[in-house]
């Protein structure tokens, strides 16, 4: 592992050390964890943006096939891949009403 030097306000440093002590961890471990969370969040954002770009490209392709008429995405279209990943081994009820007939 590499070492880094941080400039931090003394009051904040004291509070952070107290927090680390209450959590029975080190300040170093807390900083590492916070940085890891930030990096993972950026990865999730990049993944979501790529997914949205893919959906927009698919919409353009569908519009081109349908004589230029814009395709309107349904909720099921937007979440189909996610549902397949999360619920692949389970029966999927309809999103609204959980399979109950509409009145």
PDB file of N, CA and C in Angstrom:
ATOM      1  N   UNK A   1       0.831  -1.189   0.000  1.00  0.00           N
ATOM      2  CA  UNK A   1       0.000   0.000   0.000  1.00  0.00           C
ATOM      3  C   UNK A   1       0.871   1.245   0.000  1.00  0.00           C
ATOM      4  N   UNK A   2       0.350   2.266  -0.602  1.00  0.00           N
ATOM      5  CA  UNK A   2       1.042   3.557  -0.650  1.00  0.00           C
ATOM      6  C   UNK A   2       0.595   4.423   0.519  1.00  0.00           C
ATOM      7  N   UNK A   3       1.484   5.259   0.987  1.00  0.00           N
ATOM      8  CA  UNK A   3       1.160   6.243   2.018  1.00  0.00           C
ATOM      9  C   UNK A   3       0.867   7.577   1.357  1.00  0.00           C
ATOM     10  N   UNK A   4      -0.076   8.329   1.962  1.00  0.00           N
ATOM     11  CA  UNK A   4      -0.382   9.674   1.477  1.00  0.00           C
ATOM     12  C   UNK A   4      -0.369  10.620   2.668  1.00  0.00           C
ATOM     13  N   UNK A   5      -0.240  11.901   2.390  1.00  0.00           N
ATOM     14  CA  UNK A   5      -0.286  12.927   3.424  1.00  0.00           C
ATOM     15  C   UNK A   5      -1.500  13.790   3.171  1.00  0.00           C
ATOM     16  N   UNK A   6      -2.275  14.048   4.219  1.00  0.00           N
ATOM     17  CA  UNK A   6      -3.473  14.870   4.103  1.00  0.00           C
ATOM     18  C   UNK A   6      -3.326  16.109   4.968  1.00  0.00           C
ATOM     19  N   UNK A   7      -3.846  17.216   4.510  1.00  0.00           N
ATOM     20  CA  UNK A   7      -3.961  18.423   5.322  1.00  0.00           C
ATOM     21  C   UNK A   7      -5.411  18.487   5.790  1.00  0.00           C
ATOM     22  N   UNK A   8      -5.614  18.523   7.121  1.00  0.00           N
ATOM     23  CA  UNK A   8      -6.964  18.476   7.660  1.00  0.00           C
ATOM     24  C   UNK A   8      -7.066  19.393   8.869  1.00  0.00           C
ATOM     25  N   UNK A   9      -8.207  20.015   9.024  1.00  0.00           N
ATOM     26  CA  UNK A   9      -8.472  20.892  10.153  1.00  0.00           C
ATOM     27  C   UNK A   9      -8.319  20.114  11.468  1.00  0.00           C
ATOM     28  N   UNK A  10      -7.691  20.731  12.472  1.00  0.00           N
ATOM     29  CA  UNK A  10      -7.427  20.033  13.733  1.00  0.00           C
ATOM     30  C   UNK A  10      -8.708  19.601  14.443  1.00  0.00           C
ATOM     31  N   UNK A  11      -9.727  20.443  14.408  1.00  0.00           N
ATOM     32  CA  UNK A  11     -10.993  20.094  15.068  1.00  0.00           C
ATOM     33  C   UNK A  11     -11.637  18.885  14.385  1.00  0.00           C
ATOM     34  N   UNK A  12     -11.632  18.893  13.067  1.00  0.00           N
ATOM     35  CA  UNK A  12     -12.175  17.766  12.317  1.00  0.00           C
ATOM     36  C   UNK A  12     -11.367  16.504  12.586  1.00  0.00           C
ATOM     37  N   UNK A  13     -10.053  16.643  12.632  1.00  0.00           N
ATOM     38  CA  UNK A  13      -9.195  15.503  12.917  1.00  0.00           C
ATOM     39  C   UNK A  13      -9.513  14.903  14.279  1.00  0.00           C
ATOM     40  N   UNK A  14      -9.696  15.752  15.278  1.00  0.00           N
ATOM     41  CA  UNK A  14     -10.035  15.266  16.614  1.00  0.00           C
ATOM     42  C   UNK A  14     -11.364  14.529  16.634  1.00  0.00           C
ATOM     43  N   UNK A  15     -12.360  15.104  15.978  1.00  0.00           N
ATOM     44  CA  UNK A  15     -13.678  14.453  15.905  1.00  0.00           C
ATOM     45  C   UNK A  15     -13.591  13.119  15.165  1.00  0.00           C
ATOM     46  N   UNK A  16     -12.809  13.106  14.089  1.00  0.00           N
ATOM     47  CA  UNK A  16     -12.657  11.875  13.304  1.00  0.00           C
ATOM     48  C   UNK A  16     -11.959  10.794  14.124  1.00  0.00           C
ATOM     49  N   UNK A  17     -10.941  11.164  14.891  1.00  0.00           N
ATOM     50  CA  UNK A  17     -10.254  10.192  15.752  1.00  0.00           C
ATOM     51  C   UNK A  17     -11.200   9.636  16.814  1.00  0.00           C
ATOM     52  N   UNK A  18     -12.019  10.524  17.394  1.00  0.00           N
ATOM     53  CA  UNK A  18     -13.002  10.054  18.383  1.00  0.00           C
ATOM     54  C   UNK A  18     -14.003   9.096  17.753  1.00  0.00           C
ATOM     55  N   UNK A  19     -14.459   9.413  16.563  1.00  0.00           N
ATOM     56  CA  UNK A  19     -15.394   8.541  15.853  1.00  0.00           C
ATOM     57  C   UNK A  19     -14.757   7.190  15.573  1.00  0.00           C
ATOM     58  N   UNK A  20     -13.525   7.204  15.099  1.00  0.00           N
ATOM     59  CA  UNK A  20     -12.822   5.946  14.823  1.00  0.00           C
ATOM     60  C   UNK A  20     -12.679   5.120  16.102  1.00  0.00           C
ATOM     61  N   UNK A  21     -12.377   5.779  17.207  1.00  0.00           N
ATOM     62  CA  UNK A  21     -12.236   5.062  18.478  1.00  0.00           C
ATOM     63  C   UNK A  21     -13.572   4.444  18.898  1.00  0.00           C
ATOM     64  N   UNK A  22     -14.663   5.202  18.758  1.00  0.00           N
ATOM     65  CA  UNK A  22     -15.988   4.662  19.113  1.00  0.00           C
ATOM     66  C   UNK A  22     -16.361   3.472  18.228  1.00  0.00           C
ATOM     67  N   UNK A  23     -15.914   3.507  16.992  1.00  0.00           N
ATOM     68  CA  UNK A  23     -16.210   2.412  16.066  1.00  0.00           C
ATOM     69  C   UNK A  23     -15.182   1.284  16.146  1.00  0.00           C
ATOM     70  N   UNK A  24     -14.235   1.434  17.044  1.00  0.00           N
ATOM     71  CA  UNK A  24     -13.183   0.427  17.255  1.00  0.00           C
ATOM     72  C   UNK A  24     -12.430   0.123  15.957  1.00  0.00           C
ATOM     73  N   UNK A  25     -12.026   1.192  15.302  1.00  0.00           N
ATOM     74  CA  UNK A  25     -11.261   1.085  14.064  1.00  0.00           C
ATOM     75  C   UNK A  25     -10.208   2.182  14.054  1.00  0.00           C
ATOM     76  N   UNK A  26      -9.443   2.242  13.018  1.00  0.00           N
ATOM     77  CA  UNK A  26      -8.432   3.301  12.912  1.00  0.00           C
ATOM     78  C   UNK A  26      -8.918   4.392  11.966  1.00  0.00           C
ATOM     79  N   UNK A  27      -8.350   5.555  12.121  1.00  0.00           N
ATOM     80  CA  UNK A  27      -8.658   6.654  11.218  1.00  0.00           C
ATOM     81  C   UNK A  27      -8.248   6.285   9.792  1.00  0.00           C
ATOM     82  N   UNK A  28      -7.134   5.601   9.678  1.00  0.00           N
ATOM     83  CA  UNK A  28      -6.651   5.129   8.381  1.00  0.00           C
ATOM     84  C   UNK A  28      -7.695   4.222   7.711  1.00  0.00           C
ATOM     85  N   UNK A  29      -8.262   3.288   8.476  1.00  0.00           N
ATOM     86  CA  UNK A  29      -9.268   2.371   7.931  1.00  0.00           C
ATOM     87  C   UNK A  29     -10.530   3.131   7.522  1.00  0.00           C
ATOM     88  N   UNK A  30     -10.900   4.139   8.313  1.00  0.00           N
ATOM     89  CA  UNK A  30     -12.089   4.932   7.972  1.00  0.00           C
ATOM     90  C   UNK A  30     -11.872   5.699   6.666  1.00  0.00           C
ATOM     91  N   UNK A  31     -10.704   6.314   6.513  1.00  0.00           N
ATOM     92  CA  UNK A  31     -10.417   7.070   5.290  1.00  0.00           C
ATOM     93  C   UNK A  31     -10.405   6.128   4.094  1.00  0.00           C
ATOM     94  N   UNK A  32      -9.764   4.967   4.254  1.00  0.00           N
ATOM     95  CA  UNK A  32      -9.727   3.980   3.170  1.00  0.00           C
ATOM     96  C   UNK A  32     -11.145   3.560   2.771  1.00  0.00           C
ATOM     97  N   UNK A  33     -11.995   3.308   3.776  1.00  0.00           N
ATOM     98  CA  UNK A  33     -13.372   2.887   3.517  1.00  0.00           C
ATOM     99  C   UNK A  33     -14.162   3.983   2.792  1.00  0.00           C
ATOM    100  N   UNK A  34     -14.011   5.219   3.250  1.00  0.00           N
ATOM    101  CA  UNK A  34     -14.722   6.328   2.598  1.00  0.00           C
ATOM    102  C   UNK A  34     -14.275   6.507   1.153  1.00  0.00           C
ATOM    103  N   UNK A  35     -12.987   6.398   0.905  1.00  0.00           N
ATOM    104  CA  UNK A  35     -12.483   6.508  -0.469  1.00  0.00           C
ATOM    105  C   UNK A  35     -12.997   5.361  -1.334  1.00  0.00           C
ATOM    106  N   UNK A  36     -13.031   4.163  -0.770  1.00  0.00           N
ATOM    107  CA  UNK A  36     -13.545   3.003  -1.504  1.00  0.00           C
ATOM    108  C   UNK A  36     -15.008   3.203  -1.884  1.00  0.00           C
ATOM    109  N   UNK A  37     -15.809   3.722  -0.948  1.00  0.00           N
ATOM    110  CA  UNK A  37     -17.225   3.982  -1.221  1.00  0.00           C
ATOM    111  C   UNK A  37     -17.392   5.000  -2.340  1.00  0.00           C
ATOM    112  N   UNK A  38     -16.577   6.044  -2.329  1.00  0.00           N
ATOM    113  CA  UNK A  38     -16.658   7.063  -3.381  1.00  0.00           C
ATOM    114  C   UNK A  38     -16.316   6.485  -4.748  1.00  0.00           C
ATOM    115  N   UNK A  39     -15.270   5.678  -4.803  1.00  0.00           N
ATOM    116  CA  UNK A  39     -14.865   5.060  -6.070  1.00  0.00           C
ATOM    117  C   UNK A  39     -15.961   4.118  -6.571  1.00  0.00           C
ATOM    118  N   UNK A  40     -16.530   3.310  -5.672  1.00  0.00           N
ATOM    119  CA  UNK A  40     -17.603   2.396  -6.062  1.00  0.00           C
ATOM    120  C   UNK A  40     -18.827   3.159  -6.550  1.00  0.00           C
ATOM    121  N   UNK A  41     -19.143   4.289  -5.914  1.00  0.00           N
ATOM    122  CA  UNK A  41     -20.273   5.109  -6.343  1.00  0.00           C
ATOM    123  C   UNK A  41     -20.042   5.620  -7.766  1.00  0.00           C
ATOM    124  N   UNK A  42     -18.841   6.072  -8.046  1.00  0.00           N
ATOM    125  CA  UNK A  42     -18.518   6.529  -9.400  1.00  0.00           C
ATOM    126  C   UNK A  42     -18.667   5.401 -10.413  1.00  0.00           C
ATOM    127  N   UNK A  43     -18.253   4.193 -10.027  1.00  0.00           N
ATOM    128  CA  UNK A  43     -18.411   3.036 -10.921  1.00  0.00           C
ATOM    129  C   UNK A  43     -19.886   2.762 -11.195  1.00  0.00           C
ATOM    130  N   UNK A  44     -20.729   2.861 -10.145  1.00  0.00           N
ATOM    131  CA  UNK A  44     -22.172   2.635 -10.326  1.00  0.00           C
ATOM    132  C   UNK A  44     -22.778   3.708 -11.227  1.00  0.00           C
ATOM    133  N   UNK A  45     -22.332   4.937 -11.060  1.00  0.00           N
ATOM    134  CA  UNK A  45     -22.834   6.025 -11.910  1.00  0.00           C
ATOM    135  C   UNK A  45     -22.443   5.787 -13.362  1.00  0.00           C
ATOM    136  N   UNK A  46     -21.193   5.386 -13.588  1.00  0.00           N
ATOM    137  CA  UNK A  46     -20.731   5.107 -14.958  1.00  0.00           C
ATOM    138  C   UNK A  46     -21.533   3.964 -15.566  1.00  0.00           C
ATOM    139  N   UNK A  47     -21.819   2.927 -14.786  1.00  0.00           N
ATOM    140  CA  UNK A  47     -22.613   1.786 -15.259  1.00  0.00           C
ATOM    141  C   UNK A  47     -24.021   2.251 -15.634  1.00  0.00           C
ATOM    142  N   UNK A  48     -24.622   3.098 -14.781  1.00  0.00           N
ATOM    143  CA  UNK A  48     -25.977   3.587 -15.056  1.00  0.00           C
ATOM    144  C   UNK A  48     -26.004   4.461 -16.308  1.00  0.00           C
ATOM    145  N   UNK A  49     -25.002   5.327 -16.453  1.00  0.00           N
ATOM    146  CA  UNK A  49     -24.941   6.172 -17.645  1.00  0.00           C
ATOM    147  C   UNK A  49     -24.790   5.339 -18.905  1.00  0.00           C
ATOM    148  N   UNK A  50     -23.969   4.306 -18.843  1.00  0.00           N
ATOM    149  CA  UNK A  50     -23.793   3.425 -20.008  1.00  0.00           C
ATOM    150  C   UNK A  50     -25.108   2.731 -20.343  1.00  0.00           C
ATOM    151  N   UNK A  51     -25.839   2.308 -19.326  1.00  0.00           N
ATOM    152  CA  UNK A  51     -27.135   1.671 -19.546  1.00  0.00           C
ATOM    153  C   UNK A  51     -28.136   2.618 -20.178  1.00  0.00           C
ATOM    154  N   UNK A  52     -28.153   3.863 -19.700  1.00  0.00           N
ATOM    155  CA  UNK A  52     -29.065   4.849 -20.273  1.00  0.00           C
ATOM    156  C   UNK A  52     -28.702   5.145 -21.726  1.00  0.00           C
ATOM    157  N   UNK A  53     -27.414   5.228 -22.003  1.00  0.00           N
ATOM    158  CA  UNK A  53     -26.969   5.473 -23.384  1.00  0.00           C
ATOM    159  C   UNK A  53     -27.405   4.323 -24.280  1.00  0.00           C
ATOM    160  N   UNK A  54     -27.267   3.090 -23.767  1.00  0.00           N
ATOM    161  CA  UNK A  54     -27.677   1.919 -24.542  1.00  0.00           C
ATOM    162  C   UNK A  54     -29.179   1.968 -24.815  1.00  0.00           C
ATOM    163  N   UNK A  55     -29.983   2.343 -23.802  1.00  0.00           N
ATOM    164  CA  UNK A  55     -31.428   2.437 -23.995  1.00  0.00           C
ATOM    165  C   UNK A  55     -31.784   3.498 -25.032  1.00  0.00           C
ATOM    166  N   UNK A  56     -31.086   4.622 -25.002  1.00  0.00           N
ATOM    167  CA  UNK A  56     -31.358   5.675 -25.987  1.00  0.00           C
ATOM    168  C   UNK A  56     -31.004   5.213 -27.394  1.00  0.00           C
ATOM    169  N   UNK A  57     -29.887   4.493 -27.519  1.00  0.00           N
ATOM    170  CA  UNK A  57     -29.503   3.979 -28.826  1.00  0.00           C
ATOM    171  C   UNK A  57     -30.512   2.951 -29.330  1.00  0.00           C
ATOM    172  N   UNK A  58     -31.011   2.105 -28.428  1.00  0.00           N
ATOM    173  CA  UNK A  58     -32.029   1.132 -28.818  1.00  0.00           C
ATOM    174  C   UNK A  58     -33.305   1.834 -29.258  1.00  0.00           C
ATOM    175  N   UNK A  59     -33.664   2.918 -28.577  1.00  0.00           N
ATOM    176  CA  UNK A  59     -34.869   3.667 -28.944  1.00  0.00           C
ATOM    177  C   UNK A  59     -34.715   4.271 -30.334  1.00  0.00           C
ATOM    178  N   UNK A  60     -33.522   4.816 -30.608  1.00  0.00           N
ATOM    179  CA  UNK A  60     -33.281   5.381 -31.942  1.00  0.00           C
ATOM    180  C   UNK A  60     -33.359   4.295 -33.017  1.00  0.00           C
ATOM    181  N   UNK A  61     -32.793   3.131 -32.714  1.00  0.00           N
ATOM    182  CA  UNK A  61     -32.819   2.029 -33.680  1.00  0.00           C
ATOM    183  C   UNK A  61     -34.256   1.560 -33.921  1.00  0.00           C
ATOM    184  N   UNK A  62     -35.055   1.467 -32.865  1.00  0.00           N
ATOM    185  CA  UNK A  62     -36.454   1.049 -33.020  1.00  0.00           C
ATOM    186  C   UNK A  62     -37.229   2.090 -33.817  1.00  0.00           C
ATOM    187  N   UNK A  63     -36.930   3.374 -33.581  1.00  0.00           N
ATOM    188  CA  UNK A  63     -37.620   4.433 -34.322  1.00  0.00           C
ATOM    189  C   UNK A  63     -37.275   4.344 -35.805  1.00  0.00           C
ATOM    190  N   UNK A  64     -36.032   4.025 -36.111  1.00  0.00           N
ATOM    191  CA  UNK A  64     -35.607   3.902 -37.510  1.00  0.00           C
ATOM    192  C   UNK A  64     -36.327   2.750 -38.188  1.00  0.00           C
ATOM    193  N   UNK A  65     -36.565   1.665 -37.463  1.00  0.00           N
ATOM    194  CA  UNK A  65     -37.261   0.506 -38.022  1.00  0.00           C
ATOM    195  C   UNK A  65     -38.751   0.767 -38.189  1.00  0.00           C
ATOM    196  N   UNK A  66     -39.302   1.655 -37.365  1.00  0.00           N
ATOM    197  CA  UNK A  66     -40.738   1.950 -37.388  1.00  0.00           C
ATOM    198  C   UNK A  66     -41.033   3.223 -38.177  1.00  0.00           C
ATOM    199  N   UNK A  67     -40.395   3.374 -39.325  1.00  0.00           N
ATOM    200  CA  UNK A  67     -40.622   4.534 -40.197  1.00  0.00           C
ATOM    201  C   UNK A  67     -40.397   5.864 -39.481  1.00  0.00           C
ATOM    202  N   UNK A  68     -39.449   5.904 -38.565  1.00  0.00           N
ATOM    203  CA  UNK A  68     -39.106   7.146 -37.892  1.00  0.00           C
ATOM    204  C   UNK A  68     -40.017   7.518 -36.741  1.00  0.00           C
ATOM    205  N   UNK A  69     -41.040   6.698 -36.487  1.00  0.00           N
ATOM    206  CA  UNK A  69     -41.948   7.001 -35.374  1.00  0.00           C
ATOM    207  C   UNK A  69     -41.239   6.699 -34.058  1.00  0.00           C
ATOM    208  N   UNK A  70     -41.297   7.642 -33.135  1.00  0.00           N
ATOM    209  CA  UNK A  70     -40.600   7.488 -31.849  1.00  0.00           C
ATOM    210  C   UNK A  70     -41.164   6.306 -31.066  1.00  0.00           C
ATOM    211  N   UNK A  71     -40.273   5.534 -30.480  1.00  0.00           N
ATOM    212  CA  UNK A  71     -40.683   4.406 -29.644  1.00  0.00           C
ATOM    213  C   UNK A  71     -40.882   4.904 -28.224  1.00  0.00           C
ATOM    214  N   UNK A  72     -41.980   4.531 -27.615  1.00  0.00           N
ATOM    215  CA  UNK A  72     -42.257   4.926 -26.235  1.00  0.00           C
ATOM    216  C   UNK A  72     -41.959   3.734 -25.343  1.00  0.00           C
ATOM    217  N   UNK A  73     -40.976   3.919 -24.446  1.00  0.00           N
ATOM    218  CA  UNK A  73     -40.576   2.846 -23.539  1.00  0.00           C
ATOM    219  C   UNK A  73     -41.632   2.650 -22.470  1.00  0.00           C
ATOM    220  N   UNK A  74     -41.883   1.397 -22.141  1.00  0.00           N
ATOM    221  CA  UNK A  74     -42.755   1.083 -21.022  1.00  0.00           C
ATOM    222  C   UNK A  74     -41.889   0.793 -19.811  1.00  0.00           C
ATOM    223  N   UNK A  75     -42.491   0.765 -18.656  1.00  0.00           N
ATOM    224  CA  UNK A  75     -41.753   0.445 -17.434  1.00  0.00           C
ATOM    225  C   UNK A  75     -41.128  -0.943 -17.559  1.00  0.00           C
ATOM    226  N   UNK A  76     -41.861  -1.878 -18.120  1.00  0.00           N
ATOM    227  CA  UNK A  76     -41.356  -3.237 -18.280  1.00  0.00           C
ATOM    228  C   UNK A  76     -40.118  -3.258 -19.181  1.00  0.00           C
ATOM    229  N   UNK A  77     -40.132  -2.463 -20.260  1.00  0.00           N
ATOM    230  CA  UNK A  77     -38.951  -2.375 -21.131  1.00  0.00           C
ATOM    231  C   UNK A  77     -37.740  -1.872 -20.355  1.00  0.00           C
ATOM    232  N   UNK A  78     -37.948  -0.825 -19.592  1.00  0.00           N
ATOM    233  CA  UNK A  78     -36.846  -0.193 -18.877  1.00  0.00           C
ATOM    234  C   UNK A  78     -36.248  -1.092 -17.805  1.00  0.00           C
ATOM    235  N   UNK A  79     -37.074  -1.924 -17.179  1.00  0.00           N
ATOM    236  CA  UNK A  79     -36.599  -2.743 -16.066  1.00  0.00           C
ATOM    237  C   UNK A  79     -36.420  -4.213 -16.403  1.00  0.00           C
ATOM    238  N   UNK A  80     -36.638  -4.594 -17.646  1.00  0.00           N
ATOM    239  CA  UNK A  80     -36.589  -6.009 -18.021  1.00  0.00           C
ATOM    240  C   UNK A  80     -35.247  -6.650 -17.690  1.00  0.00           C
ATOM    241  N   UNK A  81     -34.158  -6.016 -18.065  1.00  0.00           N
ATOM    242  CA  UNK A  81     -32.837  -6.597 -17.811  1.00  0.00           C
ATOM    243  C   UNK A  81     -32.593  -6.721 -16.310  1.00  0.00           C
ATOM    244  N   UNK A  82     -32.962  -5.692 -15.565  1.00  0.00           N
ATOM    245  CA  UNK A  82     -32.779  -5.718 -14.108  1.00  0.00           C
ATOM    246  C   UNK A  82     -33.621  -6.831 -13.486  1.00  0.00           C
ATOM    247  N   UNK A  83     -34.859  -6.947 -13.929  1.00  0.00           N
ATOM    248  CA  UNK A  83     -35.719  -8.009 -13.408  1.00  0.00           C
ATOM    249  C   UNK A  83     -35.125  -9.377 -13.714  1.00  0.00           C
ATOM    250  N   UNK A  84     -34.622  -9.549 -14.927  1.00  0.00           N
ATOM    251  CA  UNK A  84     -34.037 -10.830 -15.300  1.00  0.00           C
ATOM    252  C   UNK A  84     -32.877 -11.189 -14.391  1.00  0.00           C
ATOM    253  N   UNK A  85     -32.045 -10.188 -14.073  1.00  0.00           N
ATOM    254  CA  UNK A  85     -30.896 -10.452 -13.193  1.00  0.00           C
ATOM    255  C   UNK A  85     -31.344 -10.759 -11.772  1.00  0.00           C
ATOM    256  N   UNK A  86     -32.290  -9.974 -11.251  1.00  0.00           N
ATOM    257  CA  UNK A  86     -32.661 -10.094  -9.844  1.00  0.00           C
ATOM    258  C   UNK A  86     -33.653 -11.224  -9.569  1.00  0.00           C
ATOM    259  N   UNK A  87     -34.503 -11.487 -10.534  1.00  0.00           N
ATOM    260  CA  UNK A  87     -35.591 -12.430 -10.283  1.00  0.00           C
ATOM    261  C   UNK A  87     -35.582 -13.609 -11.245  1.00  0.00           C
ATOM    262  N   UNK A  88     -34.418 -13.959 -11.755  1.00  0.00           N
ATOM    263  CA  UNK A  88     -34.354 -14.950 -12.813  1.00  0.00           C
ATOM    264  C   UNK A  88     -34.903 -16.311 -12.405  1.00  0.00           C
ATOM    265  N   UNK A  89     -34.817 -16.662 -11.141  1.00  0.00           N
ATOM    266  CA  UNK A  89     -35.272 -17.988 -10.721  1.00  0.00           C
ATOM    267  C   UNK A  89     -36.640 -17.956 -10.055  1.00  0.00           C
ATOM    268  N   UNK A  90     -37.270 -16.816 -10.071  1.00  0.00           N
ATOM    269  CA  UNK A  90     -38.571 -16.686  -9.412  1.00  0.00           C
ATOM    270  C   UNK A  90     -39.616 -16.251 -10.425  1.00  0.00           C
ATOM    271  N   UNK A  91     -40.826 -16.629 -10.165  1.00  0.00           N
ATOM    272  CA  UNK A  91     -41.912 -16.156 -11.021  1.00  0.00           C
ATOM    273  C   UNK A  91     -42.087 -14.669 -10.772  1.00  0.00           C
ATOM    274  N   UNK A  92     -42.218 -13.892 -11.834  1.00  0.00           N
ATOM    275  CA  UNK A  92     -42.348 -12.449 -11.694  1.00  0.00           C
ATOM    276  C   UNK A  92     -43.806 -12.054 -11.824  1.00  0.00           C
ATOM    277  N   UNK A  93     -44.412 -11.569 -10.744  1.00  0.00           N
ATOM    278  CA  UNK A  93     -45.773 -11.040 -10.882  1.00  0.00           C
ATOM    279  C   UNK A  93     -45.716  -9.690 -11.590  1.00  0.00           C
ATOM    280  N   UNK A  94     -46.826  -9.242 -12.096  1.00  0.00           N
ATOM    281  CA  UNK A  94     -46.874  -7.919 -12.714  1.00  0.00           C
ATOM    282  C   UNK A  94     -46.438  -6.884 -11.700  1.00  0.00           C
ATOM    283  N   UNK A  95     -45.847  -5.800 -12.178  1.00  0.00           N
ATOM    284  CA  UNK A  95     -45.346  -4.776 -11.267  1.00  0.00           C
ATOM    285  C   UNK A  95     -46.478  -4.095 -10.507  1.00  0.00           C
ATOM    286  N   UNK A  96     -47.578  -3.852 -11.157  1.00  0.00           N
ATOM    287  CA  UNK A  96     -48.702  -3.198 -10.492  1.00  0.00           C
ATOM    288  C   UNK A  96     -49.736  -4.255 -10.128  1.00  0.00           C
ATOM    289  N   UNK A  97     -50.168  -4.256  -8.898  1.00  0.00           N
ATOM    290  CA  UNK A  97     -51.226  -5.151  -8.469  1.00  0.00           C
ATOM    291  C   UNK A  97     -50.784  -6.567  -8.208  1.00  0.00           C
ATOM    292  N   UNK A  98     -49.509  -6.877  -8.452  1.00  0.00           N
ATOM    293  CA  UNK A  98     -48.966  -8.198  -8.204  1.00  0.00           C
ATOM    294  C   UNK A  98     -49.836  -9.316  -8.758  1.00  0.00           C
ATOM    295  N   UNK A  99     -50.286  -9.128 -10.005  1.00  0.00           N
ATOM    296  CA  UNK A  99     -51.039 -10.155 -10.701  1.00  0.00           C
ATOM    297  C   UNK A  99     -52.533 -10.100 -10.481  1.00  0.00           C
ATOM    298  N   UNK A 100     -52.979  -9.191  -9.610  1.00  0.00           N
ATOM    299  CA  UNK A 100     -54.420  -9.080  -9.368  1.00  0.00           C
ATOM    300  C   UNK A 100     -55.056  -8.395 -10.557  1.00  0.00           C
ATOM    301  N   UNK A 101     -56.272  -8.746 -10.818  1.00  0.00           N
ATOM    302  CA  UNK A 101     -56.972  -8.123 -11.934  1.00  0.00           C
ATOM    303  C   UNK A 101     -57.313  -6.687 -11.565  1.00  0.00           C
ATOM    304  N   UNK A 102     -57.192  -5.803 -12.563  1.00  0.00           N
ATOM    305  CA  UNK A 102     -57.527  -4.401 -12.331  1.00  0.00           C
ATOM    306  C   UNK A 102     -59.027  -4.248 -12.262  1.00  0.00           C
ATOM    307  N   UNK A 103     -59.473  -3.331 -11.398  1.00  0.00           N
ATOM    308  CA  UNK A 103     -60.921  -3.099 -11.276  1.00  0.00           C
ATOM    309  C   UNK A 103     -61.343  -1.854 -11.989  1.00  0.00           C
TER     310      UNK A 103
END
